[in-house]
């Protein structure tokens, strides 16, 4: 195969617009986009206010250098996508010094067209909401929030001779048949990933990940798929969401030690309000109240608008016998309109048991 030029070539990624966006605090949130590639942050956009129609004009460009002899190579472009994370900047409260943010969702841009002779292409990619996000999940009949993206290089990365003389394996997953019962679409939709280990001639095997699939269910089959994915994917940026899903399954199945371990890994790799919340829940269920409070406090520091965080803080304070703090946490739980009725019933039961925690007593 003809040798690829060793000269570095900038690859530009421009996010022009966001569509059908909404935030935790109203329909005109202040947001920004972060671009990442190869586990490196390429940059953050300016903070843009979303219009009442849900549109944001980002016009944000970031770039990295393609250089086959060092740095970003053809292999990187073939199996590593660009990650675009949309984050809301939360309104400051009185006496609040540090700015607080909350992740709304993440989009993925596939760079394979650059290996097929294209020097530029445009695409509209779906923005997948993180758990608890106000963004609409992908489902039939509902407008999907999305980002409009342009990718550009000054000249094609490969010549026609290189393309015709090379080998590029493309695998498309179009449908799944005889799926487990856990995949039957009942209840809230979830984004799933399918992992496939592909042997290669070189020293390293690369996994292929089929993203954007929407499946449902939290039973043994889904759990086994996540566990297998984690077992062979190393240091992948998208693993943050896999850890969140797997941790949630462990919590639902009351495997609290496994949930604690999973969320702890996520907190170490890419901490967020949701990773700390998951760790806090697991520790609370294990009756490790000090560790639970530490984790929930970290979650609250990252997003103090999460009603579930306040709910578990209320439970911790109730169990610890701290009446004033329990009542304060409960007030915020109700103010933020906790949607989990079972969790709210649990709080009321503990309040009745200890004899305090509800100001209406």
Protein backbone atom coordinates (compact mmCIF):
# COMPACT_ATOMS: atom_id res chain seq x y z
CA UNK A 1 0.00 0.00 0.00
CA UNK A 2 1.22 3.49 -0.85
CA UNK A 3 2.69 5.32 2.14
CA UNK A 4 0.61 8.03 3.82
CA UNK A 5 2.16 11.49 3.90
CA UNK A 6 3.93 12.17 7.19
CA UNK A 7 2.91 15.82 7.23
CA UNK A 8 0.45 16.65 10.03
CA UNK A 9 -3.01 17.72 8.88
CA UNK A 10 -5.50 19.57 11.11
CA UNK A 11 -8.94 17.98 11.37
CA UNK A 12 -11.57 20.59 12.24
CA UNK A 13 -14.85 19.76 13.98
CA UNK A 14 -17.44 22.54 14.02
CA UNK A 15 -20.66 22.37 16.02
CA UNK A 16 -22.94 24.90 14.38
CA UNK A 17 -26.32 24.43 16.06
CA UNK A 18 -28.19 22.52 18.72
CA UNK A 19 -31.87 21.63 18.32
CA UNK A 20 -34.75 20.83 20.69
CA UNK A 21 -32.65 21.52 23.77
CA UNK A 22 -33.98 22.13 27.27
CA UNK A 23 -32.39 22.42 30.70
CA UNK A 24 -32.89 21.52 34.34
CA UNK A 25 -33.85 25.12 35.15
CA UNK A 26 -36.34 26.30 32.54
CA UNK A 27 -36.59 26.13 28.75
CA UNK A 28 -33.90 28.74 27.98
CA UNK A 29 -30.84 27.35 29.75
CA UNK A 30 -27.26 28.56 29.32
CA UNK A 31 -25.25 25.72 27.76
CA UNK A 32 -21.87 24.94 26.25
CA UNK A 33 -20.39 22.10 24.17
CA UNK A 34 -17.20 20.21 25.03
CA UNK A 35 -15.40 18.33 22.24
CA UNK A 36 -13.21 15.31 23.05
CA UNK A 37 -11.20 12.93 20.91
CA UNK A 38 -8.81 10.15 21.86
CA UNK A 39 -9.45 10.92 25.58
CA UNK A 40 -8.24 14.51 25.09
CA UNK A 41 -10.45 17.57 25.56
CA UNK A 42 -10.22 19.63 22.37
CA UNK A 43 -11.99 22.63 23.82
CA UNK A 44 -15.21 24.17 25.15
CA UNK A 45 -17.57 26.43 23.24
CA UNK A 46 -18.76 29.80 24.48
CA UNK A 47 -21.73 29.74 26.86
CA UNK A 48 -24.84 30.08 24.72
CA UNK A 49 -28.40 30.73 25.83
CA UNK A 50 -30.91 28.33 24.27
CA UNK A 51 -33.79 30.08 22.52
CA UNK A 52 -37.42 29.48 23.61
CA UNK A 53 -37.70 27.24 20.54
CA UNK A 54 -34.89 25.04 21.87
CA UNK A 55 -32.20 26.16 19.40
CA UNK A 56 -28.62 27.16 20.29
CA UNK A 57 -26.18 28.78 17.86
CA UNK A 58 -22.81 27.46 19.00
CA UNK A 59 -20.60 27.99 15.90
CA UNK A 60 -17.84 26.28 17.87
CA UNK A 61 -14.75 24.90 16.13
CA UNK A 62 -12.11 22.64 17.65
CA UNK A 63 -9.40 20.60 15.99
CA UNK A 64 -6.71 17.96 16.37
CA UNK A 65 -3.76 17.06 14.17
CA UNK A 66 -3.73 13.88 12.14
CA UNK A 67 -0.17 12.55 11.79
CA UNK A 68 0.30 8.86 10.91
CA UNK A 69 3.91 8.88 12.14
CA UNK A 70 3.10 10.09 15.64
CA UNK A 71 0.02 11.16 17.53
CA UNK A 72 -3.33 10.59 15.84
CA UNK A 73 -3.15 7.76 13.27
CA UNK A 74 -5.49 6.08 10.78
CA UNK A 75 -6.35 3.45 13.40
CA UNK A 76 -7.49 6.21 15.75
CA UNK A 77 -9.75 7.73 13.10
CA UNK A 78 -11.17 4.31 12.24
CA UNK A 79 -12.33 3.23 15.69
CA UNK A 80 -12.45 6.36 17.87
CA UNK A 81 -15.33 8.81 17.50
CA UNK A 82 -15.49 12.46 18.53
CA UNK A 83 -17.55 12.95 21.69
CA UNK A 84 -19.62 16.12 22.06
CA UNK A 85 -21.00 16.75 25.53
CA UNK A 86 -23.64 19.43 26.12
CA UNK A 87 -23.58 20.89 29.63
CA UNK A 88 -25.94 23.32 31.32
CA UNK A 89 -24.56 26.17 33.43
CA UNK A 90 -26.89 26.34 36.43
CA UNK A 91 -28.06 29.73 37.78
CA UNK A 92 -26.05 30.98 40.73
CA UNK A 93 -27.72 31.12 44.11
CA UNK A 94 -27.12 33.72 46.78
CA UNK A 95 -23.59 33.64 48.25
CA UNK A 96 -22.58 30.99 45.71
CA UNK A 97 -19.02 31.55 44.50
CA UNK A 98 -18.25 28.64 42.22
CA UNK A 99 -20.19 28.02 39.03
CA UNK A 100 -22.17 24.78 38.99
CA UNK A 101 -22.92 22.74 35.89
CA UNK A 102 -24.89 19.64 34.96
CA UNK A 103 -24.42 17.40 31.92
CA UNK A 104 -27.50 17.20 29.67
CA UNK A 105 -26.38 14.69 27.05
CA UNK A 106 -23.71 13.42 24.71
CA UNK A 107 -23.43 12.98 20.94
CA UNK A 108 -21.00 10.90 18.88
CA UNK A 109 -19.46 11.84 15.52
CA UNK A 110 -18.03 9.02 13.40
CA UNK A 111 -14.91 10.03 11.43
CA UNK A 112 -14.98 7.09 8.98
CA UNK A 113 -15.89 9.31 5.98
CA UNK A 114 -12.35 10.76 6.25
CA UNK A 115 -10.99 7.27 5.51
CA UNK A 116 -13.24 6.97 2.45
CA UNK A 117 -11.71 9.90 0.57
CA UNK A 118 -13.92 12.71 1.93
CA UNK A 119 -12.28 16.00 2.91
CA UNK A 120 -15.44 17.39 4.50
CA UNK A 121 -18.89 16.24 5.52
CA UNK A 122 -21.89 17.50 7.48
CA UNK A 123 -24.08 15.48 9.80
CA UNK A 124 -26.85 15.90 12.35
CA UNK A 125 -26.15 13.61 15.31
CA UNK A 126 -28.65 12.71 18.06
CA UNK A 127 -27.92 14.04 21.53
CA UNK A 128 -28.42 11.16 23.95
CA UNK A 129 -29.60 12.32 27.41
CA UNK A 130 -27.78 11.14 30.51
CA UNK A 131 -29.95 9.52 33.24
CA UNK A 132 -32.08 12.19 34.89
CA UNK A 133 -31.63 14.68 32.05
CA UNK A 134 -34.62 16.82 30.99
CA UNK A 135 -33.82 16.11 27.32
CA UNK A 136 -36.28 13.91 25.45
CA UNK A 137 -35.04 10.31 25.04
CA UNK A 138 -35.03 8.72 21.58
CA UNK A 139 -38.45 7.24 20.88
CA UNK A 140 -40.93 7.08 18.06
CA UNK A 141 -43.05 10.17 17.46
CA UNK A 142 -40.95 12.50 19.64
CA UNK A 143 -38.50 15.09 18.32
CA UNK A 144 -34.95 14.06 19.14
CA UNK A 145 -32.57 16.70 20.47
CA UNK A 146 -29.55 16.89 18.18
CA UNK A 147 -26.40 18.74 17.12
CA UNK A 148 -25.44 19.88 13.63
CA UNK A 149 -21.78 19.16 12.98
CA UNK A 150 -19.30 19.86 10.16
CA UNK A 151 -15.97 18.05 9.78
CA UNK A 152 -13.25 19.49 7.53
CA UNK A 153 -9.67 18.80 6.43
CA UNK A 154 -7.80 20.89 3.87
CA UNK A 155 -7.25 17.87 1.61
CA UNK A 156 -8.21 14.17 1.64
CA UNK A 157 -6.22 12.12 4.15
CA UNK A 158 -5.92 9.21 1.71
CA UNK A 159 -5.32 9.19 -2.03
CA UNK A 160 -7.51 7.07 -4.37
CA UNK A 161 -4.64 4.58 -4.67
CA UNK A 162 -4.38 4.24 -0.89
CA UNK A 163 -8.14 3.71 -0.57
CA UNK A 164 -8.29 1.06 -3.32
CA UNK A 165 -5.19 -0.70 -1.96
CA UNK A 166 -6.29 -0.72 1.66
CA UNK A 167 -8.67 -2.82 3.74
CA UNK A 168 -11.39 -1.26 5.87
CA UNK A 169 -13.74 -3.55 7.77
CA UNK A 170 -17.18 -2.05 8.34
CA UNK A 171 -19.80 -3.89 10.39
CA UNK A 172 -23.41 -2.72 10.67
CA UNK A 173 -25.85 -4.04 13.23
CA UNK A 174 -29.31 -3.60 11.67
CA UNK A 175 -31.54 -5.77 13.82
CA UNK A 176 -31.57 -8.34 16.61
CA UNK A 177 -33.83 -11.41 16.61
CA UNK A 178 -34.99 -13.69 19.45
CA UNK A 179 -33.90 -11.10 21.97
CA UNK A 180 -34.22 -11.77 25.74
CA UNK A 181 -37.43 -10.76 27.52
CA UNK A 182 -35.51 -7.98 29.25
CA UNK A 183 -35.32 -6.17 25.88
CA UNK A 184 -39.12 -5.93 25.49
CA UNK A 185 -39.95 -2.19 25.31
CA UNK A 186 -41.88 -1.74 28.55
CA UNK A 187 -41.14 1.17 30.86
CA UNK A 188 -38.50 3.87 30.36
CA UNK A 189 -36.22 3.52 27.35
CA UNK A 190 -32.48 3.07 27.78
CA UNK A 191 -29.54 3.41 25.40
CA UNK A 192 -27.58 0.18 25.01
CA UNK A 193 -24.26 -0.69 23.44
CA UNK A 194 -23.30 -3.96 21.73
CA UNK A 195 -19.66 -5.04 21.98
CA UNK A 196 -17.88 -7.31 19.50
CA UNK A 197 -14.27 -8.41 19.86
CA UNK A 198 -12.53 -8.44 16.46
CA UNK A 199 -9.20 -10.23 15.97
CA UNK A 200 -6.48 -8.33 14.13
CA UNK A 201 -3.11 -9.19 12.61
CA UNK A 202 -1.22 -6.73 14.81
CA UNK A 203 -0.29 -6.90 18.47
CA UNK A 204 -3.53 -5.34 19.69
CA UNK A 205 -7.18 -6.36 19.29
CA UNK A 206 -9.69 -3.53 18.96
CA UNK A 207 -13.29 -3.86 20.12
CA UNK A 208 -16.09 -2.68 17.86
CA UNK A 209 -18.90 -0.85 19.66
CA UNK A 210 -22.37 -0.50 18.16
CA UNK A 211 -23.71 2.69 19.69
CA UNK A 212 -27.13 4.38 19.72
CA UNK A 213 -29.16 1.18 20.10
CA UNK A 214 -32.26 1.60 22.23
CA UNK A 215 -33.23 -1.44 24.29
CA UNK A 216 -35.04 -1.91 27.57
CA UNK A 217 -34.69 -4.03 30.66
CA UNK A 218 -32.49 -4.50 33.71
CA UNK A 219 -32.34 -8.29 33.98
CA UNK A 220 -29.55 -10.84 33.87
CA UNK A 221 -28.99 -10.77 30.10
CA UNK A 222 -28.47 -7.00 30.00
CA UNK A 223 -26.21 -7.15 33.04
CA UNK A 224 -24.08 -9.86 31.47
CA UNK A 225 -23.67 -7.76 28.30
CA UNK A 226 -22.43 -4.77 30.29
CA UNK A 227 -20.06 -6.91 32.34
CA UNK A 228 -18.56 -8.40 29.18
CA UNK A 229 -18.18 -4.96 27.62
CA UNK A 230 -16.35 -3.65 30.69
CA UNK A 231 -14.10 -6.73 30.73
CA UNK A 232 -12.54 -6.01 27.33
CA UNK A 233 -12.86 -2.23 26.79
CA UNK A 234 -9.97 -0.39 28.44
CA UNK A 235 -9.85 3.38 29.06
CA UNK A 236 -12.67 4.14 26.62
CA UNK A 237 -14.26 7.55 27.11
CA UNK A 238 -17.77 6.19 26.57
CA UNK A 239 -17.41 3.72 29.47
CA UNK A 240 -18.70 6.38 31.86
CA UNK A 241 -22.26 5.66 30.73
CA UNK A 242 -21.75 1.90 30.77
CA UNK A 243 -20.67 2.11 34.42
CA UNK A 244 -23.78 4.18 35.20
CA UNK A 245 -26.08 1.61 33.56
CA UNK A 246 -24.41 -1.39 35.16
CA UNK A 247 -24.37 0.26 38.58
CA UNK A 248 -28.09 0.99 38.26
CA UNK A 249 -28.78 -2.68 37.45
CA UNK A 250 -26.82 -3.80 40.52
CA UNK A 251 -28.82 -1.40 42.70
CA UNK A 252 -32.12 -2.69 41.33
CA UNK A 253 -31.04 -6.27 41.98
CA UNK A 254 -29.80 -5.32 45.48
CA UNK A 255 -26.22 -6.33 44.69
CA UNK A 256 -24.94 -3.36 46.66
CA UNK A 257 -21.29 -4.39 46.99
CA UNK A 258 -21.03 -4.75 43.21
CA UNK A 259 -22.86 -1.46 42.74
CA UNK A 260 -20.46 0.27 45.12
CA UNK A 261 -17.43 -1.10 43.26
CA UNK A 262 -18.85 -0.13 39.86
CA UNK A 263 -19.79 3.43 40.84
CA UNK A 264 -16.44 3.86 42.59
CA UNK A 265 -14.67 3.02 39.32
CA UNK A 266 -16.83 5.59 37.52
CA UNK A 267 -16.06 8.24 40.16
CA UNK A 268 -12.34 7.67 39.69
CA UNK A 269 -12.50 7.79 35.86
CA UNK A 270 -14.99 10.61 35.27
CA UNK A 271 -16.80 11.85 38.38
CA UNK A 272 -20.24 13.38 37.99
CA UNK A 273 -23.29 14.00 40.13
CA UNK A 274 -24.75 10.66 39.00
CA UNK A 275 -21.65 8.58 39.75
CA UNK A 276 -21.41 10.02 43.28
CA UNK A 277 -25.16 9.57 43.78
CA UNK A 278 -24.93 5.91 42.78
CA UNK A 279 -22.02 5.39 45.16
CA UNK A 280 -23.94 7.13 47.93
CA UNK A 281 -27.02 4.94 47.41
CA UNK A 282 -24.93 1.75 47.44
CA UNK A 283 -23.16 2.78 50.66
CA UNK A 284 -26.47 3.77 52.30
CA UNK A 285 -27.97 0.38 51.48
CA UNK A 286 -24.87 -1.24 52.97
CA UNK A 287 -25.48 0.90 56.11
CA UNK A 288 -22.15 2.65 55.59
CA UNK A 289 -23.59 6.03 56.55
CA UNK A 290 -20.34 8.02 56.73
CA UNK A 291 -19.23 6.89 53.28
CA UNK A 292 -22.75 7.45 51.96
CA UNK A 293 -22.85 11.02 53.25
CA UNK A 294 -19.41 11.79 51.79
CA UNK A 295 -20.46 10.54 48.36
CA UNK A 296 -23.84 12.31 48.45
CA UNK A 297 -22.15 15.55 49.49
CA UNK A 298 -19.90 15.29 46.42
CA UNK A 299 -22.98 14.73 44.25
CA UNK A 300 -24.73 17.71 45.84
CA UNK A 301 -21.70 19.93 45.24
CA UNK A 302 -21.82 19.09 41.52
CA UNK A 303 -25.60 19.54 41.19
CA UNK A 304 -27.72 20.74 44.09
CA UNK A 305 -30.88 20.58 41.97
CA UNK A 306 -31.06 16.77 42.03
CA UNK A 307 -34.03 15.78 44.22
CA UNK A 308 -32.79 12.19 44.63
CA UNK A 309 -29.51 13.39 46.14
CA UNK A 310 -31.43 15.45 48.72
CA UNK A 311 -33.71 12.47 49.41
CA UNK A 312 -30.83 10.17 50.31
CA UNK A 313 -29.16 12.92 52.34
CA UNK A 314 -32.41 13.16 54.29
CA UNK A 315 -32.35 9.39 54.92
CA UNK A 316 -28.72 9.51 56.05
CA UNK A 317 -29.45 12.36 58.48
CA UNK A 318 -32.54 10.58 59.80
CA UNK A 319 -30.54 7.41 60.48
CA UNK A 320 -27.76 9.48 62.06
CA UNK A 321 -30.23 11.27 64.40
CA UNK A 322 -29.55 14.77 63.04
CA UNK A 323 -33.01 16.36 63.11
CA UNK A 324 -32.27 19.85 61.76
CA UNK A 325 -30.26 18.59 58.79
CA UNK A 326 -32.82 15.85 58.08
CA UNK A 327 -35.63 18.41 57.93
CA UNK A 328 -33.58 20.74 55.73
CA UNK A 329 -32.76 17.95 53.25
CA UNK A 330 -36.40 16.84 53.25
CA UNK A 331 -37.56 20.40 52.46
CA UNK A 332 -35.29 20.49 49.39
CA UNK A 333 -36.49 17.02 48.38
CA UNK A 334 -40.08 18.25 48.32
CA UNK A 335 -39.20 21.62 46.79
CA UNK A 336 -37.47 19.90 43.85
CA UNK A 337 -40.46 17.53 43.45
CA UNK A 338 -38.95 14.08 43.90
CA UNK A 339 -40.61 11.78 41.34
CA UNK A 340 -39.62 8.45 42.95
CA UNK A 341 -42.74 7.63 44.97
CA UNK A 342 -41.19 4.52 46.53
CA UNK A 343 -38.21 6.53 47.80
CA UNK A 344 -40.52 9.21 49.18
CA UNK A 345 -42.57 6.54 50.98
CA UNK A 346 -39.35 5.15 52.45
CA UNK A 347 -38.43 8.60 53.80
CA UNK A 348 -41.88 8.97 55.41
CA UNK A 349 -41.57 5.52 57.00
CA UNK A 350 -38.17 6.34 58.51
CA UNK A 351 -39.50 9.72 59.71
CA UNK A 352 -42.32 7.98 61.54
CA UNK A 353 -39.91 5.48 63.05
CA UNK A 354 -37.49 8.08 64.45
CA UNK A 355 -40.20 10.63 65.28
CA UNK A 356 -38.72 13.62 63.43
CA UNK A 357 -37.58 14.84 60.02
CA UNK A 358 -40.92 16.11 58.70
CA UNK A 359 -41.66 19.73 59.70
CA UNK A 360 -45.38 18.95 59.53
CA UNK A 361 -45.12 16.56 62.50
